[in-house]
C-alpha cells in the first residue's frame, strides 16, 4: 500500500513539476522585460532633469515608470509564489527519492546478508543437493549465480539514485537563493516606488503654479503637431497625384499586393525600435490639469537610448526624407498602394528618397531632441492615421 501511494504521489509530481517550472520561467521573463523598461525610463528621466525644463514631460514619464514599478512588484510577488510552488514540488520529489533510496538500501542489505550466509561453498553445495528434484536444483543454482549480479546491480542503482538526490538538493538550494534574490529586489523596488511617488507629488505642486506657462507650451506644441500632420498629408497626396498623372490607367498589381500583405500583417508588425511606449495614439490630456487637452497624437512615441537602431516595420519604398522643427530628421515609407509608415526624431540615416527597404532594415538611429531620446512613429492608410497599437506585435 505504501509503495502504491508513493507511485501515485510520484505521478502527480511528474505532472506538477513542469507546470511549476513553466510558471517560474514565464514570471522571470515578464520581470526581466519590466526591469529593462524601468531602467530605460530611469535614464530618460535623469536626462530630462539635467537637459530639459519640461516638468510636464518628466511627470508623464515618471508616472509611466510608477505604473511599471507597480507591475514589476506584482510580477515579483507572482514569481515568489511560483518559486514557492516549485520549492514545494521539489521538496516532495526529494522526499520520494529519499524513500526510494531507503527501500533500495533495505533490499540491498537483504541481498548482502544472503550472500554472506552462503559464502561457504560447502553450504552452497548442500543447499543445491538438498533439492527435491532436478528442476528445483537448477533454479537454486540460478539463484546463487544471480545473487552477485543483483548485488552489483543494486549498488549501481543506489549510487544513481543518491546522485539524483544530490542534484535535486542542489537544485532546491539554487531555487531558494533565487527566491531570496527576488524578495530582495522586491523590497528595493518598493523603496524606489515610494521615491518616485514622492517626486511625482513634488512635480504636481510645481506644475500647479505654472498653468499659464504650460498653456503657452501646449499651444506651441499643437502648432508643431499640426504642421507635421499637414506635411505628411501633403506628401501622401503628392505621391497619389503623381501616380495618377503617370498616364497608366491600370492598377499596379505589385503595389496592390504589397498593400494587401501589409494589411494581412495587422497585429504582427515588428516594433520600429526596442524601447518603452511613453505616449499612445489619440486624444491626450495634461497629467495635472485634466481638462487641459494636449495635442492629439496621430501615432505613438517610443523612448529608447540615444543611438538605438530604428528599423522599417515592413517592405516598402522610401517616399521622402525631410526635416521638421522639433521632430528632426523624418522618414516616410510607402508600402504599396495604400499604406504609409512615418518615423521621426532620427539621426544617422541609412536610407534616402527612392530606396527600397525590407522588414527589419535599419533606416537610422534614435536622436536626442529637447532633452529626450525617443522616436515618433505613425501608420497611415491613405490620408487617415491608424493606431499603431493595433498593428504592432503585442509586447
Protein backbone atom coordinates (compact mmCIF):
# COMPACT_ATOMS: atom_id res chain seq x y z
CA UNK A 1 0.00 0.00 0.00
CA UNK A 2 2.83 2.37 0.93
CA UNK A 3 4.57 1.75 -2.40
CA UNK A 4 1.30 2.30 -4.27
CA UNK A 5 0.80 5.65 -2.53
CA UNK A 6 4.37 6.66 -3.37
CA UNK A 7 3.71 5.81 -7.03
CA UNK A 8 0.57 7.98 -7.05
CA UNK A 9 2.45 10.90 -5.46
CA UNK A 10 5.29 10.48 -7.97
CA UNK A 11 2.86 10.59 -10.91
CA UNK A 12 1.22 13.75 -9.52
CA UNK A 13 4.63 15.35 -9.06
CA UNK A 14 5.69 14.46 -12.60
CA UNK A 15 2.63 16.32 -13.86
CA UNK A 16 3.04 19.26 -11.47
CA UNK A 17 6.79 19.90 -11.82
CA UNK A 18 6.78 21.05 -15.48
CA UNK A 19 3.87 23.43 -14.75
CA UNK A 20 5.69 24.94 -11.76
CA UNK A 21 8.90 25.31 -13.80
CA UNK A 22 6.98 26.98 -16.65
CA UNK A 23 5.35 29.40 -14.19
CA UNK A 24 8.77 30.41 -12.85
CA UNK A 25 10.20 30.84 -16.38
CA UNK A 26 7.19 32.88 -17.52
CA UNK A 27 7.27 35.16 -14.47
CA UNK A 28 11.04 35.65 -14.78
CA UNK A 29 10.64 36.68 -18.44
CA UNK A 30 7.94 39.25 -17.56
CA UNK A 31 10.03 40.56 -14.67
CA UNK A 32 13.13 40.94 -16.86
CA UNK A 33 11.20 42.92 -19.52
CA UNK A 34 9.80 45.28 -16.91
CA UNK A 35 13.21 45.76 -15.31
CA UNK A 36 14.71 46.72 -18.69
CA UNK A 37 11.91 49.20 -19.39
CA UNK A 38 12.21 50.74 -15.91
CA UNK A 39 15.98 51.11 -16.30
CA UNK A 40 15.47 52.80 -19.68
CA UNK A 41 12.90 55.26 -18.32
CA UNK A 42 15.10 55.97 -15.28
CA UNK A 43 17.86 57.03 -17.67
CA UNK A 44 15.42 59.14 -19.71
CA UNK A 45 14.05 60.88 -16.60
CA UNK A 46 17.58 61.65 -15.40
CA UNK A 47 18.44 63.12 -18.84
CA UNK A 48 15.31 65.27 -18.88
CA UNK A 49 16.12 66.57 -15.39
CA UNK A 50 19.53 67.81 -16.48
CA UNK A 51 18.81 68.89 -20.09
CA UNK A 52 15.17 69.93 -20.23
CA UNK A 53 12.98 72.31 -18.27
CA UNK A 54 9.79 70.41 -19.15
CA UNK A 55 8.32 69.36 -15.84
CA UNK A 56 5.26 68.02 -17.71
CA UNK A 57 7.38 65.57 -19.71
CA UNK A 58 9.20 64.48 -16.58
CA UNK A 59 5.94 63.93 -14.72
CA UNK A 60 4.43 61.93 -17.59
CA UNK A 61 7.45 59.64 -17.81
CA UNK A 62 7.68 59.39 -14.05
CA UNK A 63 4.07 58.26 -13.85
CA UNK A 64 4.71 55.75 -16.62
CA UNK A 65 7.59 54.39 -14.57
CA UNK A 66 5.44 54.30 -11.43
CA UNK A 67 2.98 52.10 -13.36
CA UNK A 68 5.89 49.91 -14.45
CA UNK A 69 7.21 49.63 -10.91
CA UNK A 70 3.78 48.60 -9.64
CA UNK A 71 3.59 45.97 -12.39
CA UNK A 72 7.10 44.81 -11.52
CA UNK A 73 6.13 44.50 -7.85
CA UNK A 74 3.11 42.39 -8.84
CA UNK A 75 5.28 40.22 -11.11
CA UNK A 76 7.87 39.84 -8.34
CA UNK A 77 5.19 38.68 -5.91
CA UNK A 78 3.84 36.27 -8.52
CA UNK A 79 7.37 35.00 -9.14
CA UNK A 80 7.93 34.47 -5.42
CA UNK A 81 4.69 32.44 -5.30
CA UNK A 82 5.84 30.43 -8.35
CA UNK A 83 9.15 29.78 -6.60
CA UNK A 84 7.23 28.67 -3.52
CA UNK A 85 5.22 26.20 -5.62
CA UNK A 86 8.41 24.90 -7.24
CA UNK A 87 10.11 24.54 -3.87
CA UNK A 88 7.15 22.57 -2.52
CA UNK A 89 7.21 20.25 -5.53
CA UNK A 90 10.99 19.89 -5.24
CA UNK A 91 10.73 19.07 -1.51
CA UNK A 92 8.17 16.37 -2.27
CA UNK A 93 10.31 14.99 -5.08
CA UNK A 94 13.30 14.82 -2.75
CA UNK A 95 11.14 13.05 -0.13
CA UNK A 96 10.15 10.40 -2.69
CA UNK A 97 13.78 9.92 -3.75
CA UNK A 98 14.86 9.56 -0.12
CA UNK A 99 12.15 6.93 0.48
CA UNK A 100 13.22 5.13 -2.70
CA UNK A 101 16.86 5.15 -1.58
CA UNK A 102 15.83 3.78 1.86
CA UNK A 103 13.88 0.95 0.19
CA UNK A 104 16.78 0.16 -2.14
CA UNK A 105 19.20 0.09 0.79
CA UNK A 106 16.92 -2.26 2.75
CA UNK A 107 16.65 -4.66 -0.23
CA UNK A 108 20.36 -4.39 -0.81
CA UNK A 109 21.03 -5.31 2.82
CA UNK A 110 18.92 -8.48 2.41
CA UNK A 111 20.93 -9.44 -0.68
CA UNK A 112 24.23 -8.89 1.12
CA UNK A 113 23.11 -10.91 4.14
CA UNK A 114 22.02 -13.76 1.84
CA UNK A 115 25.35 -13.70 0.05
CA UNK A 116 27.16 -13.72 3.39
CA UNK A 117 25.04 -16.64 4.62
CA UNK A 118 26.04 -18.76 1.62
CA UNK A 119 29.62 -17.57 1.35
CA UNK A 120 30.91 -21.09 2.23
CA UNK A 121 30.91 -23.27 -0.94
CA UNK A 122 30.05 -26.35 1.16
CA UNK A 123 26.81 -24.71 2.31
CA UNK A 124 26.08 -23.77 -1.32
CA UNK A 125 26.54 -27.38 -2.46
CA UNK A 126 24.46 -28.81 0.38
CA UNK A 127 21.62 -26.38 -0.44
CA UNK A 128 21.64 -27.43 -4.12
CA UNK A 129 21.92 -31.16 -3.43
CA UNK A 130 19.07 -30.94 -0.92
CA UNK A 131 16.69 -30.07 -3.77
CA UNK A 132 13.59 -32.22 -4.17
CA UNK A 133 14.07 -32.56 -7.90
CA UNK A 134 16.34 -31.57 -10.81
CA UNK A 135 14.25 -28.52 -11.71
CA UNK A 136 14.49 -27.13 -8.20
CA UNK A 137 18.25 -27.75 -8.20
CA UNK A 138 18.68 -25.77 -11.40
CA UNK A 139 16.56 -22.94 -10.01
CA UNK A 140 18.73 -22.83 -6.86
CA UNK A 141 21.91 -22.80 -8.94
CA UNK A 142 20.46 -19.89 -10.96
CA UNK A 143 19.53 -18.13 -7.74
CA UNK A 144 23.10 -18.27 -6.42
CA UNK A 145 24.51 -17.16 -9.76
CA UNK A 146 22.19 -14.13 -9.76
CA UNK A 147 22.98 -13.00 -6.23
CA UNK A 148 26.30 -11.39 -7.15
CA UNK A 149 24.74 -9.80 -10.26
CA UNK A 150 21.88 -8.45 -8.17
CA UNK A 151 24.32 -7.04 -5.61
CA UNK A 152 26.29 -5.23 -8.32
CA UNK A 153 23.10 -4.01 -9.98
CA UNK A 154 21.66 -2.87 -6.65
CA UNK A 155 24.82 -0.96 -5.79
CA UNK A 156 24.69 0.78 -9.20
CA UNK A 157 21.03 1.75 -8.80
CA UNK A 158 21.63 3.06 -5.27
CA UNK A 159 24.57 5.19 -6.46
CA UNK A 160 22.45 6.58 -9.33
CA UNK A 161 19.54 7.41 -7.01
CA UNK A 162 21.85 9.05 -4.50
CA UNK A 163 23.39 11.09 -7.31
CA UNK A 164 19.87 12.15 -8.42
CA UNK A 165 19.09 13.05 -4.83
CA UNK A 166 22.17 15.26 -4.53
CA UNK A 167 21.34 17.02 -7.80
CA UNK A 168 17.79 17.66 -6.62
CA UNK A 169 19.07 19.05 -3.33
CA UNK A 170 21.46 21.36 -5.21
CA UNK A 171 18.57 22.46 -7.45
CA UNK A 172 16.46 23.10 -4.35
CA UNK A 173 19.17 25.27 -2.84
CA UNK A 174 19.55 27.22 -6.10
CA UNK A 175 15.79 27.83 -6.18
CA UNK A 176 15.88 29.09 -2.59
CA UNK A 177 18.69 31.52 -3.43
CA UNK A 178 16.76 32.81 -6.50
CA UNK A 179 13.66 33.27 -4.36
CA UNK A 180 15.67 35.24 -1.79
CA UNK A 181 17.15 37.43 -4.57
CA UNK A 182 13.67 38.21 -5.92
CA UNK A 183 12.49 39.05 -2.41
CA UNK A 184 15.41 41.46 -2.01
CA UNK A 185 14.69 43.10 -5.39
CA UNK A 186 11.02 43.40 -4.41
CA UNK A 187 11.94 45.32 -1.27
CA UNK A 188 14.26 47.60 -3.28
CA UNK A 189 11.52 48.22 -5.86
CA UNK A 190 9.04 49.17 -3.13
CA UNK A 191 11.58 51.72 -1.92
CA UNK A 192 12.05 53.07 -5.48
CA UNK A 193 8.29 53.29 -5.92
CA UNK A 194 7.90 55.40 -2.80
CA UNK A 195 10.71 57.67 -4.01
CA UNK A 196 9.11 58.09 -7.47
CA UNK A 197 5.69 58.83 -5.97
CA UNK A 198 7.23 61.47 -3.72
CA UNK A 199 8.98 63.08 -6.71
CA UNK A 200 5.75 62.97 -8.72
CA UNK A 201 3.87 64.75 -5.94
CA UNK A 202 6.56 67.44 -5.89
CA UNK A 203 6.28 67.95 -9.67
CA UNK A 204 2.49 68.17 -9.41
CA UNK A 205 2.81 71.03 -6.95
CA UNK A 206 5.37 72.74 -9.18
CA UNK A 207 3.14 72.46 -12.25
CA UNK A 208 0.10 73.79 -10.42
CA UNK A 209 1.94 77.08 -10.03
CA UNK A 210 2.81 77.26 -13.75
CA UNK A 211 -0.53 76.85 -15.52
CA UNK A 212 -0.13 79.86 -17.83
CA UNK A 213 3.33 78.77 -18.87
CA UNK A 214 2.03 75.25 -19.54
CA UNK A 215 -0.88 76.54 -21.64
CA UNK A 216 1.58 78.52 -23.74
CA UNK A 217 3.80 75.45 -24.23
CA UNK A 218 0.79 73.33 -25.24
CA UNK A 219 -0.34 75.91 -27.79
CA UNK A 220 3.14 75.95 -29.35
CA UNK A 221 3.25 72.14 -29.39
CA UNK A 222 -0.15 71.93 -31.09
CA UNK A 223 1.16 74.13 -33.90
CA UNK A 224 4.17 71.84 -34.33
CA UNK A 225 1.95 68.75 -34.46
CA UNK A 226 -0.48 70.34 -36.93
CA UNK A 227 2.40 71.38 -39.16
CA UNK A 228 3.81 67.85 -39.10
CA UNK A 229 0.47 66.22 -39.90
CA UNK A 230 -0.18 68.63 -42.78
CA UNK A 231 3.28 67.86 -44.19
CA UNK A 232 2.63 64.10 -44.04
CA UNK A 233 -0.78 64.52 -45.72
CA UNK A 234 0.76 66.74 -48.38
CA UNK A 235 3.45 64.22 -49.23
CA UNK A 236 0.92 61.37 -49.41
CA UNK A 237 -1.35 63.42 -51.67
CA UNK A 238 1.61 64.32 -53.90
CA UNK A 239 2.55 60.66 -54.25
CA UNK A 240 -1.02 59.71 -55.16
CA UNK A 241 -1.35 62.57 -57.65
CA UNK A 242 1.97 61.68 -59.26
CA UNK A 243 0.76 58.13 -59.71
CA UNK A 244 -2.49 59.38 -61.25
CA UNK A 245 -0.57 61.53 -63.76
CA UNK A 246 1.67 58.67 -64.86
CA UNK A 247 -0.66 58.00 -67.79
CA UNK A 248 -1.35 54.39 -66.93
CA UNK A 249 -4.93 53.57 -66.03
CA UNK A 250 -4.04 50.05 -64.99
CA UNK A 251 -3.53 49.44 -61.31
CA UNK A 252 -0.03 48.29 -60.39
CA UNK A 253 -0.54 44.66 -59.26
CA UNK A 254 2.70 44.75 -57.26
CA UNK A 255 1.59 47.80 -55.25
CA UNK A 256 -1.85 46.31 -54.58
CA UNK A 257 -0.27 43.02 -53.47
CA UNK A 258 2.15 44.79 -51.11
CA UNK A 259 -0.69 46.78 -49.53
CA UNK A 260 -2.62 43.53 -49.08
CA UNK A 261 0.37 41.89 -47.43
CA UNK A 262 0.78 44.88 -45.12
CA UNK A 263 -2.89 44.68 -44.13
CA UNK A 264 -2.65 40.91 -43.56
CA UNK A 265 0.12 41.55 -41.05
CA UNK A 266 -2.05 43.73 -38.83
CA UNK A 267 -1.14 42.98 -35.22
CA UNK A 268 2.06 41.20 -36.31
CA UNK A 269 4.33 44.04 -37.44
CA UNK A 270 7.65 44.34 -35.58
CA UNK A 271 8.29 47.41 -33.42
CA UNK A 272 10.41 50.05 -35.19
CA UNK A 273 12.69 50.35 -32.15
CA UNK A 274 13.39 48.40 -28.99
CA UNK A 275 12.12 50.72 -26.26
CA UNK A 276 9.27 51.75 -23.98
CA UNK A 277 5.93 53.17 -25.12
CA UNK A 278 5.56 56.59 -23.45
CA UNK A 279 2.72 58.20 -25.40
CA UNK A 280 -0.26 56.47 -27.03
CA UNK A 281 -2.41 57.22 -30.06
CA UNK A 282 -5.37 59.61 -29.87
CA UNK A 283 -6.52 62.34 -27.50
CA UNK A 284 -4.19 63.27 -24.67
CA UNK A 285 -4.75 65.31 -21.54
CA UNK A 286 -2.35 67.06 -19.20
CA UNK A 287 -1.26 64.84 -16.27
CA UNK A 288 -2.20 67.55 -13.73
CA UNK A 289 -4.83 69.74 -15.41
CA UNK A 290 -7.26 67.04 -16.55
CA UNK A 291 -9.42 69.45 -18.56
CA UNK A 292 -6.41 70.77 -20.47
CA UNK A 293 -6.15 68.88 -23.77
CA UNK A 294 -2.72 68.19 -25.22
CA UNK A 295 -2.08 67.91 -28.96
CA UNK A 296 -3.80 64.82 -30.36
CA UNK A 297 -1.27 62.12 -31.09
CA UNK A 298 -1.57 60.68 -34.62
CA UNK A 299 0.93 57.97 -33.72
CA UNK A 300 2.91 56.75 -30.73
CA UNK A 301 6.13 57.80 -29.01
CA UNK A 302 8.70 55.21 -28.01
CA UNK A 303 11.53 56.03 -25.62
CA UNK A 304 14.88 54.40 -26.41
CA UNK A 305 18.52 55.07 -25.67
CA UNK A 306 20.19 57.56 -27.99
CA UNK A 307 21.82 55.71 -30.90
CA UNK A 308 19.45 52.72 -30.78
CA UNK A 309 18.71 51.37 -34.28
CA UNK A 310 15.36 52.21 -35.87
CA UNK A 311 14.07 49.76 -38.50
CA UNK A 312 11.37 49.60 -41.13
CA UNK A 313 8.32 47.65 -39.96
CA UNK A 314 7.58 46.24 -43.44
CA UNK A 315 8.78 46.04 -47.04
CA UNK A 316 8.32 49.26 -48.98
CA UNK A 317 9.93 52.25 -50.65
CA UNK A 318 11.18 55.46 -49.07
CA UNK A 319 8.74 58.12 -50.24
CA UNK A 320 10.64 61.03 -48.71
CA UNK A 321 13.30 62.05 -46.21
CA UNK A 322 12.90 65.51 -44.66
CA UNK A 323 13.49 67.61 -41.54
CA UNK A 324 10.79 69.16 -39.33
CA UNK A 325 11.14 71.58 -36.39
CA UNK A 326 11.00 69.74 -33.04
CA UNK A 327 10.98 66.41 -34.90
CA UNK A 328 14.43 66.37 -36.51
CA UNK A 329 15.03 64.02 -39.41
CA UNK A 330 11.98 62.11 -40.62
CA UNK A 331 11.48 59.16 -42.99
CA UNK A 332 8.21 58.42 -44.79
CA UNK A 333 7.92 54.90 -46.27
CA UNK A 334 5.23 53.76 -48.70
CA UNK A 335 4.01 50.17 -48.53
CA UNK A 336 2.30 49.51 -51.82
CA UNK A 337 -0.75 51.48 -52.92
CA UNK A 338 -2.47 52.24 -49.61
CA UNK A 339 -0.23 52.20 -46.54
CA UNK A 340 2.48 54.53 -45.24
CA UNK A 341 4.68 54.46 -42.14
CA UNK A 342 6.37 57.50 -40.69
CA UNK A 343 9.44 57.65 -38.43
CA UNK A 344 10.94 60.82 -36.96
CA UNK A 345 13.41 62.13 -34.38
CA UNK A 346 16.12 60.16 -36.15
CA UNK A 347 19.75 60.77 -36.95
CA UNK A 348 22.49 58.99 -38.94
CA UNK A 349 20.01 57.96 -41.63
CA UNK A 350 20.99 54.97 -43.76
CA UNK A 351 18.30 55.45 -46.46
CA UNK A 352 17.36 58.14 -48.97
CA UNK A 353 14.31 59.01 -51.05
CA UNK A 354 13.53 56.27 -53.58
CA UNK A 355 15.33 53.47 -51.71
CA UNK A 356 13.55 50.14 -51.38
CA UNK A 357 13.57 48.75 -47.85
CA UNK A 358 12.74 45.40 -46.29
CA UNK A 359 11.16 44.42 -42.99
CA UNK A 360 13.65 44.97 -40.17
CA UNK A 361 16.07 47.01 -42.29
CA UNK A 362 17.86 49.77 -40.39
CA UNK A 363 16.85 53.26 -41.54
CA UNK A 364 18.64 55.34 -38.87
CA UNK A 365 19.15 55.68 -35.12
CA UNK A 366 17.35 57.45 -32.29
CA UNK A 367 18.29 61.11 -31.87
CA UNK A 368 18.08 63.27 -28.74
CA UNK A 369 15.73 66.23 -29.20
CA UNK A 370 14.54 68.55 -26.45
CA UNK A 371 16.34 66.60 -23.76
CA UNK A 372 14.66 63.27 -24.63
CA UNK A 373 15.68 60.39 -26.87
CA UNK A 374 12.61 58.77 -28.39
CA UNK A 375 11.07 58.25 -31.80
CA UNK A 376 7.67 59.32 -33.05
CA UNK A 377 6.03 56.62 -35.20
CA UNK A 378 2.85 56.76 -37.29
CA UNK A 379 0.91 54.47 -39.65
CA UNK A 380 -1.40 55.93 -42.31
CA UNK A 381 -3.98 54.28 -44.57
CA UNK A 382 -4.13 56.72 -47.44
CA UNK A 383 -4.76 60.03 -45.62
CA UNK A 384 -6.18 58.52 -42.42
CA UNK A 385 -3.85 57.94 -39.43
CA UNK A 386 -4.11 54.50 -37.80
CA UNK A 387 -3.48 53.43 -34.21
CA UNK A 388 -0.07 51.67 -34.33
CA UNK A 389 -1.03 49.65 -31.22
CA UNK A 390 -3.47 47.71 -33.44
CA UNK A 391 -0.76 46.95 -35.99
CA UNK A 392 2.37 46.18 -33.96
CA UNK A 393 3.04 42.91 -32.14
CA UNK A 394 1.84 42.85 -28.55
CA UNK A 395 4.74 43.14 -26.15
